[in-house]
């Protein structure tokens, strides 16, 4: 795995997704409290950026909503929490070192 620097923690507003364009993928980075999540920035249902949607906590689960049709995805697992999406979206491990957010990406 390769660690890629994406932003500073201080760049993240709580509950506001930040779109980060990497070489191979776009990622939505989200801070909820002290936790930082990273999910591929595309809805599996309609190919729309998830970073345009809202973030909230539902029944203790942090989710992000697709702004087009309302599909919500668990920020920890990428799994949809309701229709119309039925396929998960990739999530990426996050590491924070000295206020810098790094994503761990597969090599290749």
Protein backbone atom coordinates (compact mmCIF):
# COMPACT_ATOMS: atom_id res chain seq x y z
CA UNK A 1 0.00 0.00 0.00
CA UNK A 2 1.06 3.52 -0.76
CA UNK A 3 0.27 6.44 1.55
CA UNK A 4 -0.80 9.57 -0.35
CA UNK A 5 -0.98 12.98 1.32
CA UNK A 6 -4.38 14.57 0.59
CA UNK A 7 -4.92 17.55 2.91
CA UNK A 8 -4.49 18.92 6.40
CA UNK A 9 -7.03 18.02 9.07
CA UNK A 10 -7.49 21.77 9.56
CA UNK A 11 -8.69 21.98 5.91
CA UNK A 12 -11.70 19.81 6.78
CA UNK A 13 -14.90 21.41 8.04
CA UNK A 14 -16.92 19.01 10.13
CA UNK A 15 -19.68 17.24 8.14
CA UNK A 16 -18.58 18.96 4.90
CA UNK A 17 -17.08 16.61 2.27
CA UNK A 18 -13.86 17.76 0.61
CA UNK A 19 -13.33 16.50 -2.95
CA UNK A 20 -9.73 15.45 -3.52
CA UNK A 21 -8.64 14.67 -7.07
CA UNK A 22 -5.90 12.08 -7.15
CA UNK A 23 -4.16 10.69 -10.20
CA UNK A 24 -6.32 7.57 -10.53
CA UNK A 25 -9.43 8.36 -8.46
CA UNK A 26 -11.40 11.17 -6.87
CA UNK A 27 -12.08 10.83 -3.15
CA UNK A 28 -14.46 12.55 -0.74
CA UNK A 29 -12.72 13.18 2.59
CA UNK A 30 -14.99 13.86 5.56
CA UNK A 31 -14.36 14.79 9.19
CA UNK A 32 -16.93 13.86 11.82
CA UNK A 33 -15.70 14.76 15.27
CA UNK A 34 -12.19 13.36 15.66
CA UNK A 35 -12.69 10.78 12.87
CA UNK A 36 -11.72 11.28 9.24
CA UNK A 37 -13.19 9.11 6.49
CA UNK A 38 -12.33 8.69 2.81
CA UNK A 39 -14.72 7.26 0.23
CA UNK A 40 -14.49 7.15 -3.55
CA UNK A 41 -16.26 10.25 -4.81
CA UNK A 42 -18.83 8.58 -7.05
CA UNK A 43 -22.27 7.16 -6.33
CA UNK A 44 -22.51 3.54 -7.42
CA UNK A 45 -26.06 4.15 -8.63
CA UNK A 46 -25.76 7.24 -10.83
CA UNK A 47 -22.09 8.23 -11.27
CA UNK A 48 -22.58 11.49 -9.33
CA UNK A 49 -19.97 13.00 -6.95
CA UNK A 50 -20.77 12.06 -3.36
CA UNK A 51 -18.90 15.18 -2.22
CA UNK A 52 -21.92 17.20 -3.40
CA UNK A 53 -24.10 15.47 -0.80
CA UNK A 54 -24.78 15.80 2.90
CA UNK A 55 -23.07 13.95 5.74
CA UNK A 56 -24.94 12.91 8.86
CA UNK A 57 -25.07 10.31 11.58
CA UNK A 58 -27.97 7.83 11.33
CA UNK A 59 -28.41 5.38 14.20
CA UNK A 60 -24.75 5.83 15.15
CA UNK A 61 -23.51 5.30 11.57
CA UNK A 62 -21.76 8.12 9.66
CA UNK A 63 -23.23 8.37 6.16
CA UNK A 64 -22.90 10.46 3.03
CA UNK A 65 -25.83 11.08 0.71
CA UNK A 66 -25.87 11.23 -3.07
CA UNK A 67 -27.38 14.61 -3.97
CA UNK A 68 -29.13 13.22 -7.07
CA UNK A 69 -31.33 10.34 -5.86
CA UNK A 70 -30.73 10.24 -2.10
CA UNK A 71 -28.74 7.02 -1.79
CA UNK A 72 -26.75 7.01 1.45
CA UNK A 73 -23.46 5.23 2.02
CA UNK A 74 -21.80 4.15 5.26
CA UNK A 75 -18.52 6.08 5.44
CA UNK A 76 -16.82 3.19 7.24
CA UNK A 77 -17.75 0.37 4.88
CA UNK A 78 -18.98 2.10 1.71
CA UNK A 79 -22.13 -0.04 1.76
CA UNK A 80 -25.42 1.62 0.81
CA UNK A 81 -27.81 2.07 3.71
CA UNK A 82 -30.86 2.31 1.47
CA UNK A 83 -32.08 2.44 -2.13
CA UNK A 84 -31.75 3.19 -4.93
CA UNK A 85 -28.05 2.25 -4.70
CA UNK A 86 -27.36 -1.45 -4.17
CA UNK A 87 -23.58 -1.63 -4.68
CA UNK A 88 -20.92 -0.45 -2.23
CA UNK A 89 -18.47 2.36 -2.95
CA UNK A 90 -14.77 1.83 -2.13
CA UNK A 91 -13.49 3.34 1.12
CA UNK A 92 -9.85 3.99 1.94
CA UNK A 93 -7.92 3.71 5.21
CA UNK A 94 -6.92 7.08 6.63
CA UNK A 95 -3.82 7.89 8.65
CA UNK A 96 -3.20 11.25 10.30
CA UNK A 97 0.35 12.34 11.03
CA UNK A 98 1.09 15.84 12.35
CA UNK A 99 -2.29 17.25 11.16
CA UNK A 100 -1.80 15.80 7.65
CA UNK A 101 -4.32 13.32 6.25
CA UNK A 102 -2.89 10.41 4.27
CA UNK A 103 -4.87 7.81 2.36
CA UNK A 104 -3.61 4.28 2.01
CA UNK A 105 -4.08 3.18 -1.59
CA UNK A 106 -3.35 -0.11 -3.29
CA UNK A 107 -0.20 -0.01 -5.42
CA UNK A 108 -0.66 -0.16 -9.14
